[in-house]
Amino acid sequence: MLALFSLTACAQKQNSSDHMIQSNTKERKVLVAYFSATGTTRHVATQIAEAVNGTLLEIEPTEKYTSADLDWHNDQSRSSVEMKDSGARTSIKPDSVNADDYDLILIGYPIWWDLAPTAINTFIESHKLQGKCVALFATSGGSSIDNSATKLEETYPELHWMQPKLLNRPSSQEIRNWFEALQ
C-alpha cells in the first residue's frame, strides 16, 4: 500500500511551473546523481542517464579516495572510519543542481559495509529533496541494496522513496525495465 501511495504521489507531483508531470519518460526530468570511488558506479550511472535521457551529476568528495582510503581490511582507513560513524558526512564539492528542476532523482553508489557511503548522506542533506521522488541504485561485489536503502529511507522519511535496484553490469533492457517500473 505504501509503495502504491509513493508511486501515485510521484506520478501526481507537480513541477515548478504547476503542470502535471506526465508518466511518459521523455517528459519527465530525471537527475542521475552518483558517487563512485573506483569508476564502477560511474559506468552504470552513465548507462542509466543515457537510457532515460537524464542529467548526469557526479557526487565528488572534496578529497578523492585513494586505494589506502578504500582498504576495508584496515580499521583505520578513511572509509572504515567514516562507515563506523553513522553521523559522519564526507565533504563533497559544491554543484549547481537545483532539485526543483527535476521530477525524479536517481541516486547511485557502491555498497560499503552494507550501507551507502556517507557522501550520499551529504548529497541528500545539501539539496532540497524533501517531497521529491527518489530511487536508489547501487553496485556491489556481494551485498544486496536492501539494507542500505532501508537505512536511507529511515534517515530521510520526508522523501518519496521508490523501488531501489542493484545494478551490477546491467543490460540496457534491465535499466529500462527498472525505470519503467518507477513510472
C-alpha atoms as a PDB file:
ATOM      1  CA  MET A   1       0.000   0.000   0.000  1.00  0.00           C
ATOM      2  CA  LEU A   2       2.828   2.385   0.886  1.00  0.00           C
ATOM      3  CA  ALA A   3       4.587   1.624  -2.416  1.00  0.00           C
ATOM      4  CA  LEU A   4       1.378   2.315  -4.316  1.00  0.00           C
ATOM      5  CA  PHE A   5       0.936   5.600  -2.448  1.00  0.00           C
ATOM      6  CA  SER A   6       4.542   6.612  -3.216  1.00  0.00           C
ATOM      7  CA  LEU A   7       4.153   5.825  -6.899  1.00  0.00           C
ATOM      8  CA  THR A   8       0.883   7.741  -7.016  1.00  0.00           C
ATOM      9  CA  ALA A   9       2.402  10.683  -5.176  1.00  0.00           C
ATOM     10  CA  CYS A  10       5.332  10.761  -7.574  1.00  0.00           C
ATOM     11  CA  ALA A  11       3.114  10.480 -10.624  1.00  0.00           C
ATOM     12  CA  GLN A  12       0.924  13.320  -9.382  1.00  0.00           C
ATOM     13  CA  LYS A  13       3.723  15.581  -8.119  1.00  0.00           C
ATOM     14  CA  GLN A  14       3.586  18.979  -9.777  1.00  0.00           C
ATOM     15  CA  ASN A  15       6.647  20.679 -11.198  1.00  0.00           C
ATOM     16  CA  SER A  16       7.621  24.306 -10.554  1.00  0.00           C
ATOM     17  CA  SER A  17       5.558  25.602 -13.489  1.00  0.00           C
ATOM     18  CA  ASP A  18       2.490  23.896 -11.953  1.00  0.00           C
ATOM     19  CA  HIS A  19       1.896  21.471 -14.833  1.00  0.00           C
ATOM     20  CA  MET A  20       1.186  17.850 -14.109  1.00  0.00           C
ATOM     21  CA  ILE A  21       4.117  15.577 -14.744  1.00  0.00           C
ATOM     22  CA  GLN A  22       3.426  13.059 -17.433  1.00  0.00           C
ATOM     23  CA  SER A  23       4.374   9.444 -16.845  1.00  0.00           C
ATOM     24  CA  ASN A  24       5.969   9.457 -20.284  1.00  0.00           C
ATOM     25  CA  THR A  25       9.708   9.125 -19.673  1.00  0.00           C
ATOM     26  CA  LYS A  26      10.516  11.679 -22.384  1.00  0.00           C
ATOM     27  CA  GLU A  27       8.614  14.357 -20.460  1.00  0.00           C
ATOM     28  CA  ARG A  28       9.982  13.620 -17.007  1.00  0.00           C
ATOM     29  CA  LYS A  29      13.113  15.475 -15.980  1.00  0.00           C
ATOM     30  CA  VAL A  30      15.469  12.981 -14.379  1.00  0.00           C
ATOM     31  CA  LEU A  31      18.641  13.636 -12.417  1.00  0.00           C
ATOM     32  CA  VAL A  32      21.094  10.740 -12.171  1.00  0.00           C
ATOM     33  CA  ALA A  33      23.378  11.647  -9.262  1.00  0.00           C
ATOM     34  CA  TYR A  34      26.075   9.181  -8.312  1.00  0.00           C
ATOM     35  CA  PHE A  35      29.132   8.664  -6.152  1.00  0.00           C
ATOM     36  CA  SER A  36      31.834   6.357  -7.476  1.00  0.00           C
ATOM     37  CA  ALA A  37      35.194   5.769  -5.834  1.00  0.00           C
ATOM     38  CA  THR A  38      36.592   3.349  -8.423  1.00  0.00           C
ATOM     39  CA  GLY A  39      34.568   4.011 -11.581  1.00  0.00           C
ATOM     40  CA  THR A  40      32.182   1.045 -11.390  1.00  0.00           C
ATOM     41  CA  THR A  41      29.156   3.076 -10.278  1.00  0.00           C
ATOM     42  CA  ARG A  42      30.111   5.878 -12.710  1.00  0.00           C
ATOM     43  CA  HIS A  43      29.840   3.428 -15.598  1.00  0.00           C
ATOM     44  CA  VAL A  44      26.376   2.260 -14.520  1.00  0.00           C
ATOM     45  CA  ALA A  45      25.194   5.844 -13.864  1.00  0.00           C
ATOM     46  CA  THR A  46      26.298   6.848 -17.357  1.00  0.00           C
ATOM     47  CA  GLN A  47      24.328   3.933 -18.839  1.00  0.00           C
ATOM     48  CA  ILE A  48      21.247   4.960 -16.848  1.00  0.00           C
ATOM     49  CA  ALA A  49      21.485   8.633 -17.834  1.00  0.00           C
ATOM     50  CA  GLU A  50      21.721   7.651 -21.496  1.00  0.00           C
ATOM     51  CA  ALA A  51      18.833   5.172 -21.258  1.00  0.00           C
ATOM     52  CA  VAL A  52      16.449   7.601 -19.526  1.00  0.00           C
ATOM     53  CA  ASN A  53      17.681  10.825 -21.124  1.00  0.00           C
ATOM     54  CA  GLY A  54      18.673  12.105 -17.676  1.00  0.00           C
ATOM     55  CA  THR A  55      21.116  14.690 -16.456  1.00  0.00           C
ATOM     56  CA  LEU A  56      24.263  13.073 -15.062  1.00  0.00           C
ATOM     57  CA  LEU A  57      25.824  14.515 -11.891  1.00  0.00           C
ATOM     58  CA  GLU A  58      28.866  13.133 -10.112  1.00  0.00           C
ATOM     59  CA  ILE A  59      28.849  13.476  -6.327  1.00  0.00           C
ATOM     60  CA  GLU A  60      32.523  14.276  -5.837  1.00  0.00           C
ATOM     61  CA  PRO A  61      34.235  14.182  -2.468  1.00  0.00           C
ATOM     62  CA  THR A  62      36.335  17.251  -1.739  1.00  0.00           C
ATOM     63  CA  GLU A  63      39.252  14.889  -1.216  1.00  0.00           C
ATOM     64  CA  LYS A  64      39.345  11.908  -3.588  1.00  0.00           C
ATOM     65  CA  TYR A  65      39.633   8.448  -2.088  1.00  0.00           C
ATOM     66  CA  THR A  66      42.959   6.678  -2.543  1.00  0.00           C
ATOM     67  CA  SER A  67      43.453   2.919  -2.572  1.00  0.00           C
ATOM     68  CA  ALA A  68      44.638   3.158   1.036  1.00  0.00           C
ATOM     69  CA  ASP A  69      41.462   5.100   1.939  1.00  0.00           C
ATOM     70  CA  LEU A  70      39.357   2.278   0.498  1.00  0.00           C
ATOM     71  CA  ASP A  71      41.157  -0.566   2.269  1.00  0.00           C
ATOM     72  CA  TRP A  72      38.275  -2.168   4.139  1.00  0.00           C
ATOM     73  CA  HIS A  73      40.685  -4.598   5.811  1.00  0.00           C
ATOM     74  CA  ASN A  74      42.287  -1.656   7.641  1.00  0.00           C
ATOM     75  CA  ASP A  75      40.124  -0.388  10.529  1.00  0.00           C
ATOM     76  CA  GLN A  76      41.953   2.951  10.344  1.00  0.00           C
ATOM     77  CA  SER A  77      41.396   3.570   6.619  1.00  0.00           C
ATOM     78  CA  ARG A  78      39.360   6.641   5.780  1.00  0.00           C
ATOM     79  CA  SER A  79      36.375   4.673   4.504  1.00  0.00           C
ATOM     80  CA  SER A  80      36.414   2.324   7.521  1.00  0.00           C
ATOM     81  CA  VAL A  81      36.450   5.235   9.957  1.00  0.00           C
ATOM     82  CA  GLU A  82      33.633   7.040   8.089  1.00  0.00           C
ATOM     83  CA  MET A  83      31.432   3.978   7.858  1.00  0.00           C
ATOM     84  CA  LYS A  84      31.753   3.178  11.581  1.00  0.00           C
ATOM     85  CA  ASP A  85      30.323   6.616  12.462  1.00  0.00           C
ATOM     86  CA  SER A  86      26.665   6.989  11.440  1.00  0.00           C
ATOM     87  CA  GLY A  87      26.989  10.752  11.905  1.00  0.00           C
ATOM     88  CA  ALA A  88      29.995  11.103   9.615  1.00  0.00           C
ATOM     89  CA  ARG A  89      29.480  13.163   6.484  1.00  0.00           C
ATOM     90  CA  THR A  90      32.026  13.171   3.698  1.00  0.00           C
ATOM     91  CA  SER A  91      32.716  16.666   2.414  1.00  0.00           C
ATOM     92  CA  ILE A  92      31.639  16.945  -1.226  1.00  0.00           C
ATOM     93  CA  LYS A  93      32.369  19.516  -3.896  1.00  0.00           C
ATOM     94  CA  PRO A  94      29.577  22.034  -4.468  1.00  0.00           C
ATOM     95  CA  ASP A  95      27.411  21.688  -7.548  1.00  0.00           C
ATOM     96  CA  SER A  96      24.806  23.892  -9.174  1.00  0.00           C
ATOM     97  CA  VAL A  97      21.936  21.404  -9.166  1.00  0.00           C
ATOM     98  CA  ASN A  98      18.507  22.718  -8.250  1.00  0.00           C
ATOM     99  CA  ALA A  99      16.394  19.730  -7.222  1.00  0.00           C
ATOM    100  CA  ASP A 100      13.237  21.648  -8.110  1.00  0.00           C
ATOM    101  CA  ASP A 101      14.268  21.342 -11.766  1.00  0.00           C
ATOM    102  CA  TYR A 102      13.772  17.545 -11.636  1.00  0.00           C
ATOM    103  CA  ASP A 103      10.765  15.276 -11.298  1.00  0.00           C
ATOM    104  CA  LEU A 104      12.723  12.175 -10.351  1.00  0.00           C
ATOM    105  CA  ILE A 105      16.131  11.835  -8.740  1.00  0.00           C
ATOM    106  CA  LEU A 106      18.082   8.608  -9.125  1.00  0.00           C
ATOM    107  CA  ILE A 107      20.945   8.290  -6.645  1.00  0.00           C
ATOM    108  CA  GLY A 108      23.686   5.725  -7.180  1.00  0.00           C
ATOM    109  CA  TYR A 109      26.513   4.455  -5.058  1.00  0.00           C
ATOM    110  CA  PRO A 110      28.727   1.453  -4.318  1.00  0.00           C
ATOM    111  CA  ILE A 111      27.679  -0.564  -1.266  1.00  0.00           C
ATOM    112  CA  TRP A 112      30.161  -0.104   1.582  1.00  0.00           C
ATOM    113  CA  TRP A 113      29.760  -2.118   4.780  1.00  0.00           C
ATOM    114  CA  ASP A 114      26.208  -2.973   3.633  1.00  0.00           C
ATOM    115  CA  LEU A 115      25.378   0.766   3.542  1.00  0.00           C
ATOM    116  CA  ALA A 116      25.539   3.786   1.264  1.00  0.00           C
ATOM    117  CA  PRO A 117      28.793   5.752   1.583  1.00  0.00           C
ATOM    118  CA  THR A 118      28.464   8.869   3.733  1.00  0.00           C
ATOM    119  CA  ALA A 119      28.858  11.063   0.630  1.00  0.00           C
ATOM    120  CA  ILE A 120      25.277  10.061  -0.224  1.00  0.00           C
ATOM    121  CA  ASN A 121      24.014  11.460   3.094  1.00  0.00           C
ATOM    122  CA  THR A 122      25.957  14.656   2.432  1.00  0.00           C
ATOM    123  CA  PHE A 123      24.362  14.954  -1.025  1.00  0.00           C
ATOM    124  CA  ILE A 124      20.832  14.389   0.278  1.00  0.00           C
ATOM    125  CA  GLU A 125      21.318  16.844   3.138  1.00  0.00           C
ATOM    126  CA  SER A 126      22.863  19.532   0.934  1.00  0.00           C
ATOM    127  CA  HIS A 127      19.996  19.565  -1.581  1.00  0.00           C
ATOM    128  CA  LYS A 128      16.334  20.354  -1.044  1.00  0.00           C
ATOM    129  CA  LEU A 129      14.924  16.899  -1.750  1.00  0.00           C
ATOM    130  CA  GLN A 130      12.009  16.962   0.697  1.00  0.00           C
ATOM    131  CA  GLY A 131       8.941  15.615  -1.074  1.00  0.00           C
ATOM    132  CA  LYS A 132      10.974  14.570  -4.119  1.00  0.00           C
ATOM    133  CA  CYS A 133      10.630  11.191  -5.795  1.00  0.00           C
ATOM    134  CA  VAL A 134      13.916   9.381  -5.249  1.00  0.00           C
ATOM    135  CA  ALA A 135      15.070   5.947  -6.377  1.00  0.00           C
ATOM    136  CA  LEU A 136      18.356   4.377  -5.391  1.00  0.00           C
ATOM    137  CA  PHE A 137      20.642   2.208  -7.469  1.00  0.00           C
ATOM    138  CA  ALA A 138      23.835   0.586  -6.327  1.00  0.00           C
ATOM    139  CA  THR A 139      26.744  -1.565  -7.374  1.00  0.00           C
ATOM    140  CA  SER A 140      28.217  -4.228  -5.145  1.00  0.00           C
ATOM    141  CA  GLY A 141      30.624  -7.101  -5.130  1.00  0.00           C
ATOM    142  CA  GLY A 142      28.375  -9.219  -2.929  1.00  0.00           C
ATOM    143  CA  SER A 143      25.832  -7.248  -0.884  1.00  0.00           C
ATOM    144  CA  SER A 144      22.235  -6.521  -1.782  1.00  0.00           C
ATOM    145  CA  ILE A 145      20.880  -2.967  -1.859  1.00  0.00           C
ATOM    146  CA  ASP A 146      18.202  -3.734   0.730  1.00  0.00           C
ATOM    147  CA  ASN A 147      19.913  -2.673   3.973  1.00  0.00           C
ATOM    148  CA  SER A 148      21.439   0.481   2.503  1.00  0.00           C
ATOM    149  CA  ALA A 149      18.080   1.519   1.035  1.00  0.00           C
ATOM    150  CA  THR A 150      16.243   0.797   4.283  1.00  0.00           C
ATOM    151  CA  LYS A 151      18.731   2.869   6.304  1.00  0.00           C
ATOM    152  CA  LEU A 152      18.424   5.831   3.922  1.00  0.00           C
ATOM    153  CA  GLU A 153      14.621   5.587   3.931  1.00  0.00           C
ATOM    154  CA  GLU A 154      14.620   5.584   7.755  1.00  0.00           C
ATOM    155  CA  THR A 155      17.030   8.531   7.898  1.00  0.00           C
ATOM    156  CA  TYR A 156      15.138  10.646   5.341  1.00  0.00           C
ATOM    157  CA  PRO A 157      11.413   9.795   5.671  1.00  0.00           C
ATOM    158  CA  GLU A 158      10.396  13.096   4.041  1.00  0.00           C
ATOM    159  CA  LEU A 159      11.473  11.818   0.616  1.00  0.00           C
ATOM    160  CA  HIS A 160       9.167   9.775  -1.621  1.00  0.00           C
ATOM    161  CA  TRP A 161      11.225   6.605  -1.916  1.00  0.00           C
ATOM    162  CA  MET A 162      10.723   4.400  -4.933  1.00  0.00           C
ATOM    163  CA  GLN A 163      11.926   0.868  -5.719  1.00  0.00           C
ATOM    164  CA  PRO A 164      15.729   0.585  -5.314  1.00  0.00           C
ATOM    165  CA  LYS A 165      17.749  -1.577  -7.683  1.00  0.00           C
ATOM    166  CA  LEU A 166      21.113  -3.307  -7.506  1.00  0.00           C
ATOM    167  CA  LEU A 167      22.671  -2.876 -10.943  1.00  0.00           C
ATOM    168  CA  ASN A 168      25.882  -4.798 -11.488  1.00  0.00           C
ATOM    169  CA  ARG A 169      26.784  -4.807 -15.187  1.00  0.00           C
ATOM    170  CA  PRO A 170      23.175  -4.127 -16.225  1.00  0.00           C
ATOM    171  CA  SER A 171      21.904  -4.510 -19.750  1.00  0.00           C
ATOM    172  CA  SER A 172      20.058  -1.618 -21.365  1.00  0.00           C
ATOM    173  CA  GLN A 173      16.878  -3.677 -21.106  1.00  0.00           C
ATOM    174  CA  GLU A 174      17.353  -4.213 -17.346  1.00  0.00           C
ATOM    175  CA  ILE A 175      17.764  -0.454 -16.876  1.00  0.00           C
ATOM    176  CA  ARG A 176      14.681   0.303 -18.985  1.00  0.00           C
ATOM    177  CA  ASN A 177      12.603  -2.289 -17.111  1.00  0.00           C
ATOM    178  CA  TRP A 178      13.578  -0.801 -13.742  1.00  0.00           C
ATOM    179  CA  PHE A 179      12.917   2.749 -14.923  1.00  0.00           C
ATOM    180  CA  GLU A 180       9.539   1.825 -16.416  1.00  0.00           C
ATOM    181  CA  ALA A 181       8.593   0.188 -13.114  1.00  0.00           C
ATOM    182  CA  LEU A 182       9.230   3.563 -11.441  1.00  0.00           C
ATOM    183  CA  GLN A 183       6.651   5.265 -13.624  1.00  0.00           C
END
